[in-house]
Amino acid sequence: MERKSKIEYLLPEEIEKRSFEIITEELKKRGISLPSEQEMITKRVIHTSADFDYADTLVYSKDAVAIAKELLKNGADIVTDTNMALAGINKKALAKLGGQAHCFMADEDVARVAKQRGVTRAVVSMEKAKNIKKPVVFTVGNAPTALIRLYEMMQESNWHPAFVIGVPVGFVNVEAAKELIMETEIPYIINRGRKGGSNVAAAICNALLYELTR
């Protein structure tokens, strides 16, 4: 059986560069032109997922990229809703800017309170993150309940997150939770629809960090 594609022999450091060249070529073939400030973020998400739908479904609030970069440049922390996303974020790049990445999902106090109240750990994790005494980029890749709780906390008080990356994946409440955040005035990067995930959440964070540190 004849192979339809040919093997490319590349040095390890050349593989990512070639991947982005292929993404650029395919976007051009599809007639898709990305806004310059969003280009590297969307491309890195496509690179992570091999899914070109993100070129259409990633939504950025007004000046979102500039706002997120300014926050990170000034030492904002990142809070994620999964340890998988936490593992994927380039913490060395974040530390260079004075920030730290957190995930509270496995904390004993979070598990205990979530069980007592009959809510998800993601809900309690967002409440715990509210106590961080510096700007936080909330990065949600799995749990729509995290986005819902962020929205509820905004309605309950004058508190609001500095920035939200909302890309949970799944079927239950995922689309509705994303829509809630887009109804607010909080700066965000959201993926419409059911797609997303911890890998996508980490990719968005890393795209922002690499723009600032490379």
N, C-alpha and C. Protein backbone atom coordinates (compact mmCIF):
# COMPACT_ATOMS: atom_id res chain seq x y z
N MET A 1 0.85 -1.20 0.00
CA MET A 1 0.00 0.00 0.00
C MET A 1 0.88 1.25 0.00
N GLU A 2 0.64 2.17 -0.89
CA GLU A 2 1.46 3.36 -1.04
C GLU A 2 1.10 4.41 0.01
N ARG A 3 2.14 4.95 0.65
CA ARG A 3 1.90 6.01 1.64
C ARG A 3 1.52 7.30 0.93
N LYS A 4 0.56 8.03 1.52
CA LYS A 4 0.11 9.29 0.93
C LYS A 4 1.00 10.46 1.35
N SER A 5 1.71 10.32 2.45
CA SER A 5 2.57 11.40 2.92
C SER A 5 3.99 10.88 3.08
N LYS A 6 4.95 11.78 2.94
CA LYS A 6 6.35 11.42 3.02
C LYS A 6 6.91 11.80 4.39
N ILE A 7 7.86 10.99 4.85
CA ILE A 7 8.53 11.28 6.11
C ILE A 7 9.48 12.45 5.91
N GLU A 8 9.43 13.41 6.83
CA GLU A 8 10.39 14.52 6.82
C GLU A 8 11.42 14.27 7.92
N TYR A 9 12.68 14.32 7.55
CA TYR A 9 13.75 14.10 8.51
C TYR A 9 14.26 15.46 9.00
N LEU A 10 13.98 15.76 10.26
CA LEU A 10 14.29 17.07 10.82
C LEU A 10 15.05 16.92 12.14
N LEU A 11 15.87 17.89 12.44
CA LEU A 11 16.50 17.95 13.74
C LEU A 11 15.43 18.30 14.79
N PRO A 12 15.61 17.86 16.03
CA PRO A 12 14.59 18.12 17.05
C PRO A 12 14.17 19.58 17.15
N GLU A 13 15.16 20.49 17.07
CA GLU A 13 14.84 21.91 17.21
C GLU A 13 14.11 22.48 15.99
N GLU A 14 14.06 21.71 14.91
CA GLU A 14 13.40 22.17 13.69
C GLU A 14 11.94 21.74 13.61
N ILE A 15 11.55 20.79 14.45
CA ILE A 15 10.21 20.19 14.32
C ILE A 15 9.11 21.20 14.60
N GLU A 16 9.23 21.96 15.69
CA GLU A 16 8.19 22.95 16.01
C GLU A 16 8.10 24.01 14.93
N LYS A 17 9.25 24.49 14.46
CA LYS A 17 9.26 25.51 13.41
C LYS A 17 8.54 24.99 12.17
N ARG A 18 8.82 23.75 11.79
CA ARG A 18 8.18 23.17 10.60
C ARG A 18 6.68 23.00 10.83
N SER A 19 6.30 22.63 12.05
CA SER A 19 4.87 22.49 12.36
C SER A 19 4.13 23.80 12.15
N PHE A 20 4.73 24.89 12.61
CA PHE A 20 4.07 26.19 12.45
C PHE A 20 4.05 26.62 10.99
N GLU A 21 5.04 26.23 10.23
CA GLU A 21 5.02 26.52 8.79
C GLU A 21 3.87 25.79 8.12
N ILE A 22 3.64 24.54 8.51
CA ILE A 22 2.53 23.76 7.94
C ILE A 22 1.20 24.39 8.34
N ILE A 23 1.08 24.80 9.59
CA ILE A 23 -0.16 25.45 10.05
C ILE A 23 -0.43 26.72 9.25
N THR A 24 0.61 27.53 9.05
CA THR A 24 0.46 28.76 8.27
C THR A 24 0.02 28.47 6.85
N GLU A 25 0.62 27.43 6.23
CA GLU A 25 0.25 27.05 4.87
C GLU A 25 -1.20 26.59 4.79
N GLU A 26 -1.61 25.78 5.76
CA GLU A 26 -2.98 25.25 5.73
C GLU A 26 -4.02 26.34 5.98
N LEU A 27 -3.70 27.26 6.87
CA LEU A 27 -4.62 28.38 7.11
C LEU A 27 -4.80 29.20 5.83
N LYS A 28 -3.70 29.41 5.12
CA LYS A 28 -3.75 30.16 3.87
C LYS A 28 -4.62 29.44 2.84
N LYS A 29 -4.45 28.11 2.75
CA LYS A 29 -5.25 27.32 1.81
C LYS A 29 -6.74 27.40 2.15
N ARG A 30 -7.04 27.50 3.43
CA ARG A 30 -8.43 27.57 3.88
C ARG A 30 -8.99 28.99 3.78
N GLY A 31 -8.16 29.94 3.38
CA GLY A 31 -8.59 31.33 3.26
C GLY A 31 -8.80 32.01 4.58
N ILE A 32 -8.07 31.54 5.61
CA ILE A 32 -8.23 32.09 6.95
C ILE A 32 -7.07 33.04 7.25
N SER A 33 -7.40 34.27 7.59
CA SER A 33 -6.41 35.27 7.98
C SER A 33 -6.67 35.65 9.43
N LEU A 34 -5.71 35.39 10.30
CA LEU A 34 -5.87 35.66 11.72
C LEU A 34 -5.41 37.06 12.07
N PRO A 35 -6.10 37.76 12.97
CA PRO A 35 -5.62 39.06 13.45
C PRO A 35 -4.21 38.91 14.00
N SER A 36 -3.34 39.84 13.72
CA SER A 36 -1.92 39.69 14.05
C SER A 36 -1.69 39.47 15.54
N GLU A 37 -2.44 40.16 16.40
CA GLU A 37 -2.19 40.03 17.83
C GLU A 37 -2.66 38.67 18.37
N GLN A 38 -3.57 38.01 17.64
CA GLN A 38 -4.10 36.71 18.08
C GLN A 38 -3.40 35.54 17.39
N GLU A 39 -2.63 35.84 16.39
CA GLU A 39 -2.11 34.81 15.49
C GLU A 39 -1.34 33.70 16.21
N MET A 40 -0.35 34.06 17.03
CA MET A 40 0.49 33.04 17.64
C MET A 40 -0.25 32.23 18.69
N ILE A 41 -1.24 32.82 19.33
CA ILE A 41 -2.04 32.07 20.30
C ILE A 41 -2.88 31.03 19.59
N THR A 42 -3.61 31.46 18.58
CA THR A 42 -4.46 30.53 17.84
C THR A 42 -3.63 29.44 17.17
N LYS A 43 -2.51 29.82 16.61
CA LYS A 43 -1.64 28.83 15.96
C LYS A 43 -1.09 27.82 16.96
N ARG A 44 -0.75 28.27 18.16
CA ARG A 44 -0.23 27.33 19.16
C ARG A 44 -1.32 26.38 19.63
N VAL A 45 -2.54 26.84 19.71
CA VAL A 45 -3.66 25.95 20.05
C VAL A 45 -3.85 24.90 18.95
N ILE A 46 -3.78 25.34 17.70
CA ILE A 46 -3.88 24.40 16.58
C ILE A 46 -2.71 23.42 16.62
N HIS A 47 -1.52 23.92 16.92
CA HIS A 47 -0.33 23.07 17.01
C HIS A 47 -0.52 22.00 18.08
N THR A 48 -1.13 22.37 19.20
CA THR A 48 -1.34 21.45 20.31
C THR A 48 -2.40 20.40 20.00
N SER A 49 -3.42 20.81 19.26
CA SER A 49 -4.61 19.96 19.05
C SER A 49 -4.72 19.36 17.65
N ALA A 50 -3.97 19.91 16.68
CA ALA A 50 -4.10 19.54 15.27
C ALA A 50 -5.54 19.75 14.78
N ASP A 51 -6.21 20.74 15.36
CA ASP A 51 -7.61 21.00 15.05
C ASP A 51 -7.76 22.44 14.55
N PHE A 52 -8.06 22.59 13.27
CA PHE A 52 -8.16 23.92 12.68
C PHE A 52 -9.49 24.61 12.99
N ASP A 53 -10.42 23.91 13.63
CA ASP A 53 -11.66 24.56 14.04
C ASP A 53 -11.41 25.73 14.98
N TYR A 54 -10.30 25.66 15.73
CA TYR A 54 -10.01 26.73 16.69
C TYR A 54 -9.78 28.07 16.00
N ALA A 55 -9.42 28.05 14.74
CA ALA A 55 -9.27 29.32 14.02
C ALA A 55 -10.59 30.06 13.93
N ASP A 56 -11.70 29.33 14.02
CA ASP A 56 -13.03 29.93 13.95
C ASP A 56 -13.68 30.11 15.31
N THR A 57 -13.34 29.24 16.27
CA THR A 57 -14.10 29.22 17.53
C THR A 57 -13.45 29.94 18.69
N LEU A 58 -12.14 30.22 18.61
CA LEU A 58 -11.51 31.00 19.69
C LEU A 58 -12.00 32.44 19.62
N VAL A 59 -12.48 32.94 20.74
CA VAL A 59 -13.04 34.29 20.82
C VAL A 59 -12.21 35.11 21.80
N TYR A 60 -11.85 36.31 21.37
CA TYR A 60 -11.04 37.20 22.20
C TYR A 60 -11.84 38.46 22.50
N SER A 61 -11.90 38.83 23.77
CA SER A 61 -12.54 40.10 24.10
C SER A 61 -11.65 41.25 23.61
N LYS A 62 -12.20 42.46 23.65
CA LYS A 62 -11.46 43.63 23.15
C LYS A 62 -10.11 43.78 23.87
N ASP A 63 -9.05 43.87 23.08
CA ASP A 63 -7.69 44.05 23.61
C ASP A 63 -7.25 42.93 24.54
N ALA A 64 -7.83 41.75 24.38
CA ALA A 64 -7.55 40.65 25.31
C ALA A 64 -6.08 40.28 25.38
N VAL A 65 -5.44 40.17 24.24
CA VAL A 65 -4.04 39.74 24.22
C VAL A 65 -3.15 40.77 24.90
N ALA A 66 -3.36 42.03 24.59
CA ALA A 66 -2.56 43.09 25.21
C ALA A 66 -2.77 43.13 26.72
N ILE A 67 -4.00 42.94 27.16
CA ILE A 67 -4.30 42.96 28.60
C ILE A 67 -3.64 41.79 29.30
N ALA A 68 -3.77 40.60 28.70
CA ALA A 68 -3.17 39.40 29.30
C ALA A 68 -1.65 39.52 29.39
N LYS A 69 -1.04 40.04 28.34
CA LYS A 69 0.42 40.22 28.34
C LYS A 69 0.85 41.21 29.42
N GLU A 70 0.10 42.28 29.57
CA GLU A 70 0.44 43.29 30.57
C GLU A 70 0.35 42.69 31.97
N LEU A 71 -0.67 41.90 32.21
CA LEU A 71 -0.83 41.26 33.52
C LEU A 71 0.35 40.33 33.81
N LEU A 72 0.67 39.47 32.85
CA LEU A 72 1.76 38.52 33.05
C LEU A 72 3.11 39.22 33.17
N LYS A 73 3.29 40.26 32.37
CA LYS A 73 4.54 41.02 32.41
C LYS A 73 4.76 41.64 33.78
N ASN A 74 3.66 41.96 34.46
CA ASN A 74 3.75 42.58 35.77
C ASN A 74 3.62 41.59 36.92
N GLY A 75 3.81 40.29 36.61
CA GLY A 75 3.90 39.29 37.68
C GLY A 75 2.61 38.63 38.11
N ALA A 76 1.56 38.69 37.30
CA ALA A 76 0.31 38.02 37.65
C ALA A 76 0.53 36.52 37.81
N ASP A 77 -0.25 35.91 38.69
CA ASP A 77 -0.24 34.46 38.84
C ASP A 77 -1.24 33.83 37.88
N ILE A 78 -1.10 32.53 37.70
CA ILE A 78 -2.05 31.74 36.91
C ILE A 78 -2.65 30.68 37.82
N VAL A 79 -3.97 30.55 37.80
CA VAL A 79 -4.65 29.48 38.54
C VAL A 79 -5.38 28.60 37.53
N THR A 80 -5.11 27.30 37.58
CA THR A 80 -5.75 26.36 36.66
C THR A 80 -6.72 25.45 37.42
N ASP A 81 -7.59 24.80 36.67
CA ASP A 81 -8.54 23.88 37.28
C ASP A 81 -8.12 22.42 37.13
N THR A 82 -6.93 22.16 36.60
CA THR A 82 -6.43 20.79 36.51
C THR A 82 -4.92 20.76 36.69
N ASN A 83 -4.44 19.71 37.31
CA ASN A 83 -3.00 19.53 37.44
C ASN A 83 -2.36 19.24 36.08
N MET A 84 -3.16 18.74 35.13
CA MET A 84 -2.63 18.51 33.78
C MET A 84 -2.28 19.84 33.12
N ALA A 85 -3.16 20.82 33.24
CA ALA A 85 -2.86 22.14 32.70
C ALA A 85 -1.67 22.75 33.43
N LEU A 86 -1.65 22.58 34.74
CA LEU A 86 -0.54 23.09 35.54
C LEU A 86 0.79 22.52 35.05
N ALA A 87 0.80 21.22 34.77
CA ALA A 87 2.02 20.56 34.30
C ALA A 87 2.45 21.10 32.93
N GLY A 88 1.47 21.49 32.11
CA GLY A 88 1.78 21.94 30.75
C GLY A 88 2.24 23.38 30.65
N ILE A 89 1.94 24.18 31.65
CA ILE A 89 2.34 25.60 31.61
C ILE A 89 3.84 25.71 31.87
N ASN A 90 4.49 26.56 31.09
CA ASN A 90 5.93 26.77 31.26
C ASN A 90 6.17 27.65 32.48
N LYS A 91 6.42 26.99 33.59
CA LYS A 91 6.54 27.71 34.86
C LYS A 91 7.84 28.51 34.96
N LYS A 92 8.89 28.08 34.24
CA LYS A 92 10.13 28.85 34.23
C LYS A 92 9.92 30.19 33.54
N ALA A 93 9.20 30.17 32.44
CA ALA A 93 8.91 31.43 31.73
C ALA A 93 8.05 32.34 32.60
N LEU A 94 7.08 31.75 33.29
CA LEU A 94 6.21 32.52 34.17
C LEU A 94 7.01 33.12 35.33
N ALA A 95 7.93 32.33 35.89
CA ALA A 95 8.74 32.79 37.02
C ALA A 95 9.65 33.95 36.61
N LYS A 96 10.11 33.96 35.38
CA LYS A 96 10.94 35.06 34.88
C LYS A 96 10.20 36.39 34.98
N LEU A 97 8.89 36.32 34.88
CA LEU A 97 8.06 37.52 34.92
C LEU A 97 7.56 37.83 36.32
N GLY A 98 7.90 36.96 37.27
CA GLY A 98 7.49 37.19 38.66
C GLY A 98 6.20 36.52 39.05
N GLY A 99 5.70 35.63 38.19
CA GLY A 99 4.44 34.95 38.48
C GLY A 99 4.62 33.51 38.91
N GLN A 100 3.53 32.93 39.40
CA GLN A 100 3.53 31.54 39.85
C GLN A 100 2.24 30.88 39.39
N ALA A 101 2.31 29.60 39.08
CA ALA A 101 1.13 28.85 38.65
C ALA A 101 0.62 28.00 39.81
N HIS A 102 -0.70 27.93 39.94
CA HIS A 102 -1.32 27.18 41.04
C HIS A 102 -2.43 26.28 40.49
N CYS A 103 -2.61 25.15 41.17
CA CYS A 103 -3.82 24.34 41.01
C CYS A 103 -4.17 23.79 42.38
N PHE A 104 -5.36 24.08 42.85
CA PHE A 104 -5.77 23.69 44.20
C PHE A 104 -6.65 22.44 44.22
N MET A 105 -6.85 21.83 43.07
CA MET A 105 -7.81 20.73 42.96
C MET A 105 -7.49 19.54 43.87
N ALA A 106 -6.21 19.27 44.11
CA ALA A 106 -5.83 18.12 44.92
C ALA A 106 -5.60 18.47 46.39
N ASP A 107 -5.82 19.73 46.76
CA ASP A 107 -5.60 20.13 48.16
C ASP A 107 -6.62 19.47 49.08
N GLU A 108 -6.18 19.02 50.23
CA GLU A 108 -7.06 18.30 51.15
C GLU A 108 -8.22 19.17 51.62
N ASP A 109 -7.96 20.45 51.89
CA ASP A 109 -9.04 21.32 52.36
C ASP A 109 -10.08 21.53 51.28
N VAL A 110 -9.64 21.60 50.02
CA VAL A 110 -10.57 21.76 48.90
C VAL A 110 -11.46 20.53 48.77
N ALA A 111 -10.86 19.36 48.86
CA ALA A 111 -11.63 18.11 48.77
C ALA A 111 -12.64 18.00 49.91
N ARG A 112 -12.22 18.36 51.11
CA ARG A 112 -13.09 18.25 52.29
C ARG A 112 -14.28 19.19 52.17
N VAL A 113 -14.02 20.45 51.82
CA VAL A 113 -15.11 21.44 51.72
C VAL A 113 -16.06 21.08 50.58
N ALA A 114 -15.51 20.63 49.46
CA ALA A 114 -16.36 20.25 48.32
C ALA A 114 -17.31 19.11 48.70
N LYS A 115 -16.79 18.14 49.45
CA LYS A 115 -17.62 17.01 49.87
C LYS A 115 -18.69 17.46 50.85
N GLN A 116 -18.31 18.32 51.79
CA GLN A 116 -19.28 18.81 52.78
C GLN A 116 -20.42 19.58 52.13
N ARG A 117 -20.09 20.36 51.12
CA ARG A 117 -21.10 21.22 50.48
C ARG A 117 -21.79 20.57 49.30
N GLY A 118 -21.28 19.44 48.84
CA GLY A 118 -21.88 18.77 47.70
C GLY A 118 -21.66 19.52 46.40
N VAL A 119 -20.46 20.13 46.26
CA VAL A 119 -20.12 20.85 45.04
C VAL A 119 -18.82 20.26 44.48
N THR A 120 -18.45 20.70 43.30
CA THR A 120 -17.22 20.19 42.70
C THR A 120 -16.00 20.85 43.34
N ARG A 121 -14.88 20.15 43.23
CA ARG A 121 -13.63 20.73 43.73
C ARG A 121 -13.28 22.00 42.95
N ALA A 122 -13.68 22.04 41.70
CA ALA A 122 -13.39 23.23 40.88
C ALA A 122 -14.04 24.47 41.48
N VAL A 123 -15.25 24.32 42.01
CA VAL A 123 -15.94 25.44 42.64
C VAL A 123 -15.13 25.97 43.82
N VAL A 124 -14.73 25.05 44.70
CA VAL A 124 -13.98 25.44 45.90
C VAL A 124 -12.60 25.97 45.53
N SER A 125 -12.00 25.42 44.49
CA SER A 125 -10.70 25.90 44.02
C SER A 125 -10.77 27.35 43.59
N MET A 126 -11.82 27.72 42.87
CA MET A 126 -11.97 29.11 42.43
C MET A 126 -12.16 30.03 43.64
N GLU A 127 -12.90 29.56 44.64
CA GLU A 127 -13.10 30.36 45.85
C GLU A 127 -11.78 30.55 46.60
N LYS A 128 -10.97 29.50 46.65
CA LYS A 128 -9.67 29.60 47.31
C LYS A 128 -8.75 30.56 46.56
N ALA A 129 -8.80 30.50 45.25
CA ALA A 129 -7.94 31.37 44.43
C ALA A 129 -8.31 32.83 44.59
N LYS A 130 -9.55 33.08 44.94
CA LYS A 130 -10.00 34.47 45.14
C LYS A 130 -9.16 35.17 46.22
N ASN A 131 -8.57 34.39 47.13
CA ASN A 131 -7.81 34.96 48.24
C ASN A 131 -6.37 35.31 47.88
N ILE A 132 -5.94 35.00 46.66
CA ILE A 132 -4.59 35.38 46.24
C ILE A 132 -4.51 36.89 46.14
N LYS A 133 -3.52 37.47 46.80
CA LYS A 133 -3.44 38.93 46.91
C LYS A 133 -2.65 39.56 45.77
N LYS A 134 -2.94 39.19 44.55
CA LYS A 134 -2.32 39.78 43.37
C LYS A 134 -3.21 39.43 42.19
N PRO A 135 -3.05 40.09 41.04
CA PRO A 135 -3.87 39.74 39.88
C PRO A 135 -3.67 38.28 39.46
N VAL A 136 -4.75 37.65 39.06
CA VAL A 136 -4.73 36.23 38.68
C VAL A 136 -5.36 36.05 37.31
N VAL A 137 -4.68 35.26 36.47
CA VAL A 137 -5.25 34.82 35.21
C VAL A 137 -5.86 33.44 35.46
N PHE A 138 -7.18 33.38 35.53
CA PHE A 138 -7.88 32.11 35.76
C PHE A 138 -7.93 31.34 34.44
N THR A 139 -7.42 30.12 34.49
CA THR A 139 -7.25 29.32 33.27
C THR A 139 -7.98 28.00 33.43
N VAL A 140 -9.15 27.91 32.80
CA VAL A 140 -10.06 26.77 32.99
C VAL A 140 -10.07 25.91 31.73
N GLY A 141 -9.62 24.66 31.87
CA GLY A 141 -9.56 23.77 30.72
C GLY A 141 -10.43 22.54 30.84
N ASN A 142 -11.08 22.37 31.99
CA ASN A 142 -11.82 21.13 32.20
C ASN A 142 -13.22 21.33 32.78
N ALA A 143 -13.32 22.16 33.82
CA ALA A 143 -14.55 22.19 34.61
C ALA A 143 -15.40 23.43 34.34
N PRO A 144 -16.54 23.26 33.67
CA PRO A 144 -17.42 24.41 33.48
C PRO A 144 -17.92 24.99 34.80
N THR A 145 -17.97 24.15 35.85
CA THR A 145 -18.41 24.67 37.15
C THR A 145 -17.45 25.73 37.67
N ALA A 146 -16.18 25.69 37.25
CA ALA A 146 -15.23 26.73 37.65
C ALA A 146 -15.64 28.07 37.04
N LEU A 147 -16.00 28.07 35.77
CA LEU A 147 -16.43 29.31 35.12
C LEU A 147 -17.73 29.82 35.73
N ILE A 148 -18.65 28.89 36.00
CA ILE A 148 -19.93 29.29 36.59
C ILE A 148 -19.70 29.94 37.95
N ARG A 149 -18.80 29.35 38.75
CA ARG A 149 -18.54 29.91 40.09
C ARG A 149 -17.86 31.27 39.99
N LEU A 150 -16.96 31.44 39.04
CA LEU A 150 -16.34 32.76 38.84
C LEU A 150 -17.42 33.80 38.53
N TYR A 151 -18.35 33.44 37.66
CA TYR A 151 -19.45 34.35 37.31
C TYR A 151 -20.29 34.67 38.55
N GLU A 152 -20.60 33.65 39.33
CA GLU A 152 -21.42 33.86 40.54
C GLU A 152 -20.70 34.77 41.53
N MET A 153 -19.40 34.58 41.71
CA MET A 153 -18.66 35.41 42.66
C MET A 153 -18.63 36.86 42.21
N MET A 154 -18.62 37.09 40.91
CA MET A 154 -18.68 38.46 40.40
C MET A 154 -20.03 39.10 40.71
N GLN A 155 -21.09 38.29 40.66
CA GLN A 155 -22.43 38.82 40.93
C GLN A 155 -22.65 39.08 42.41
N GLU A 156 -21.94 38.33 43.25
CA GLU A 156 -22.14 38.41 44.69
C GLU A 156 -21.40 39.58 45.35
N SER A 157 -20.38 40.11 44.68
CA SER A 157 -19.58 41.18 45.28
C SER A 157 -18.94 42.02 44.18
N ASN A 158 -18.10 42.96 44.60
CA ASN A 158 -17.37 43.79 43.63
C ASN A 158 -16.12 43.11 43.10
N TRP A 159 -15.83 41.92 43.61
CA TRP A 159 -14.64 41.19 43.17
C TRP A 159 -14.79 40.76 41.71
N HIS A 160 -13.66 40.75 41.00
CA HIS A 160 -13.67 40.17 39.66
C HIS A 160 -12.27 39.67 39.32
N PRO A 161 -12.19 38.62 38.52
CA PRO A 161 -10.87 38.12 38.11
C PRO A 161 -10.21 39.10 37.15
N ALA A 162 -8.89 39.12 37.15
CA ALA A 162 -8.18 40.01 36.24
C ALA A 162 -8.34 39.58 34.80
N PHE A 163 -8.41 38.26 34.58
CA PHE A 163 -8.50 37.72 33.22
C PHE A 163 -9.00 36.28 33.30
N VAL A 164 -9.74 35.85 32.29
CA VAL A 164 -10.22 34.47 32.25
C VAL A 164 -9.88 33.84 30.90
N ILE A 165 -9.21 32.71 30.97
CA ILE A 165 -9.05 31.83 29.81
C ILE A 165 -10.01 30.68 30.03
N GLY A 166 -11.05 30.60 29.23
CA GLY A 166 -12.11 29.63 29.45
C GLY A 166 -12.26 28.66 28.30
N VAL A 167 -11.65 27.49 28.46
CA VAL A 167 -11.70 26.49 27.39
C VAL A 167 -12.03 25.10 27.93
N PRO A 168 -13.03 25.00 28.83
CA PRO A 168 -13.39 23.66 29.30
C PRO A 168 -13.95 22.81 28.15
N VAL A 169 -13.78 21.51 28.27
CA VAL A 169 -14.21 20.58 27.24
C VAL A 169 -15.32 19.70 27.80
N GLY A 170 -16.27 19.31 26.95
CA GLY A 170 -17.30 18.38 27.42
C GLY A 170 -18.69 18.69 26.89
N PHE A 171 -19.68 18.18 27.60
CA PHE A 171 -21.05 18.24 27.11
C PHE A 171 -22.03 18.90 28.08
N VAL A 172 -21.79 18.77 29.39
CA VAL A 172 -22.74 19.28 30.38
C VAL A 172 -22.33 20.68 30.82
N ASN A 173 -23.15 21.67 30.51
CA ASN A 173 -22.98 23.07 30.93
C ASN A 173 -21.75 23.76 30.33
N VAL A 174 -21.04 23.10 29.44
CA VAL A 174 -19.80 23.68 28.90
C VAL A 174 -20.08 24.94 28.10
N GLU A 175 -20.98 24.85 27.15
CA GLU A 175 -21.25 26.01 26.29
C GLU A 175 -21.91 27.14 27.08
N ALA A 176 -22.83 26.80 27.97
CA ALA A 176 -23.52 27.82 28.77
C ALA A 176 -22.56 28.54 29.70
N ALA A 177 -21.61 27.80 30.29
CA ALA A 177 -20.65 28.41 31.20
C ALA A 177 -19.76 29.40 30.46
N LYS A 178 -19.34 29.05 29.26
CA LYS A 178 -18.52 29.96 28.46
C LYS A 178 -19.30 31.22 28.11
N GLU A 179 -20.56 31.06 27.77
CA GLU A 179 -21.40 32.21 27.43
C GLU A 179 -21.55 33.15 28.62
N LEU A 180 -21.63 32.62 29.83
CA LEU A 180 -21.74 33.47 31.02
C LEU A 180 -20.56 34.44 31.12
N ILE A 181 -19.36 33.91 30.92
CA ILE A 181 -18.17 34.76 31.03
C ILE A 181 -18.18 35.81 29.92
N MET A 182 -18.62 35.43 28.73
CA MET A 182 -18.64 36.38 27.62
C MET A 182 -19.68 37.48 27.80
N GLU A 183 -20.61 37.28 28.73
CA GLU A 183 -21.61 38.31 29.03
C GLU A 183 -21.06 39.39 29.97
N THR A 184 -19.92 39.12 30.59
CA THR A 184 -19.34 40.06 31.54
C THR A 184 -18.39 41.03 30.83
N GLU A 185 -17.86 41.97 31.57
CA GLU A 185 -16.89 42.91 31.03
C GLU A 185 -15.46 42.46 31.34
N ILE A 186 -15.30 41.27 31.88
CA ILE A 186 -13.98 40.74 32.20
C ILE A 186 -13.25 40.39 30.90
N PRO A 187 -11.98 40.77 30.77
CA PRO A 187 -11.23 40.36 29.57
C PRO A 187 -11.06 38.84 29.54
N TYR A 188 -11.19 38.27 28.35
CA TYR A 188 -11.18 36.80 28.25
C TYR A 188 -10.65 36.32 26.91
N ILE A 189 -10.23 35.07 26.94
CA ILE A 189 -10.06 34.26 25.72
C ILE A 189 -10.89 33.01 25.96
N ILE A 190 -11.89 32.80 25.12
CA ILE A 190 -12.85 31.71 25.30
C ILE A 190 -12.90 30.90 24.01
N ASN A 191 -13.11 29.59 24.13
CA ASN A 191 -13.40 28.80 22.94
C ASN A 191 -14.87 28.42 22.94
N ARG A 192 -15.58 28.93 21.95
CA ARG A 192 -17.00 28.61 21.84
C ARG A 192 -17.19 27.13 21.55
N GLY A 193 -18.31 26.58 22.02
CA GLY A 193 -18.63 25.19 21.71
C GLY A 193 -18.10 24.23 22.76
N ARG A 194 -18.08 22.95 22.39
CA ARG A 194 -17.74 21.89 23.34
C ARG A 194 -16.24 21.61 23.45
N LYS A 195 -15.48 22.07 22.49
CA LYS A 195 -14.06 21.72 22.46
C LYS A 195 -13.25 22.55 23.43
N GLY A 196 -12.10 22.01 23.82
CA GLY A 196 -11.17 22.67 24.72
C GLY A 196 -10.31 21.61 25.38
N GLY A 197 -9.96 21.85 26.63
CA GLY A 197 -9.17 20.87 27.37
C GLY A 197 -7.97 21.49 28.05
N SER A 198 -7.37 20.71 28.94
CA SER A 198 -6.21 21.18 29.69
C SER A 198 -5.04 21.52 28.78
N ASN A 199 -4.87 20.73 27.72
CA ASN A 199 -3.76 21.01 26.79
C ASN A 199 -3.96 22.34 26.07
N VAL A 200 -5.20 22.65 25.74
CA VAL A 200 -5.50 23.92 25.07
C VAL A 200 -5.30 25.08 26.04
N ALA A 201 -5.73 24.90 27.28
CA ALA A 201 -5.55 25.94 28.30
C ALA A 201 -4.06 26.25 28.49
N ALA A 202 -3.26 25.20 28.60
CA ALA A 202 -1.81 25.40 28.77
C ALA A 202 -1.20 26.05 27.53
N ALA A 203 -1.67 25.65 26.36
CA ALA A 203 -1.13 26.21 25.11
C ALA A 203 -1.36 27.71 25.03
N ILE A 204 -2.54 28.16 25.45
CA ILE A 204 -2.84 29.60 25.42
C ILE A 204 -1.91 30.34 26.39
N CYS A 205 -1.75 29.81 27.59
CA CYS A 205 -0.84 30.43 28.56
C CYS A 205 0.58 30.50 27.99
N ASN A 206 1.04 29.39 27.43
CA ASN A 206 2.41 29.36 26.92
C ASN A 206 2.61 30.30 25.75
N ALA A 207 1.62 30.42 24.89
CA ALA A 207 1.73 31.34 23.76
C ALA A 207 1.95 32.77 24.27
N LEU A 208 1.21 33.14 25.29
CA LEU A 208 1.37 34.47 25.88
C LEU A 208 2.75 34.62 26.53
N LEU A 209 3.16 33.60 27.27
CA LEU A 209 4.45 33.65 27.97
C LEU A 209 5.62 33.70 26.99
N TYR A 210 5.54 32.92 25.91
CA TYR A 210 6.63 32.89 24.94
C TYR A 210 6.76 34.23 24.21
N GLU A 211 5.63 34.88 23.98
CA GLU A 211 5.67 36.19 23.35
C GLU A 211 6.42 37.20 24.23
N LEU A 212 6.38 36.97 25.53
CA LEU A 212 7.00 37.91 26.47
C LEU A 212 8.44 37.55 26.84
N THR A 213 8.80 36.27 26.71
CA THR A 213 10.09 35.83 27.26
C THR A 213 11.07 35.30 26.21
N ARG A 214 10.62 35.06 25.00
CA ARG A 214 11.54 34.50 23.99
C ARG A 214 12.20 35.62 23.20
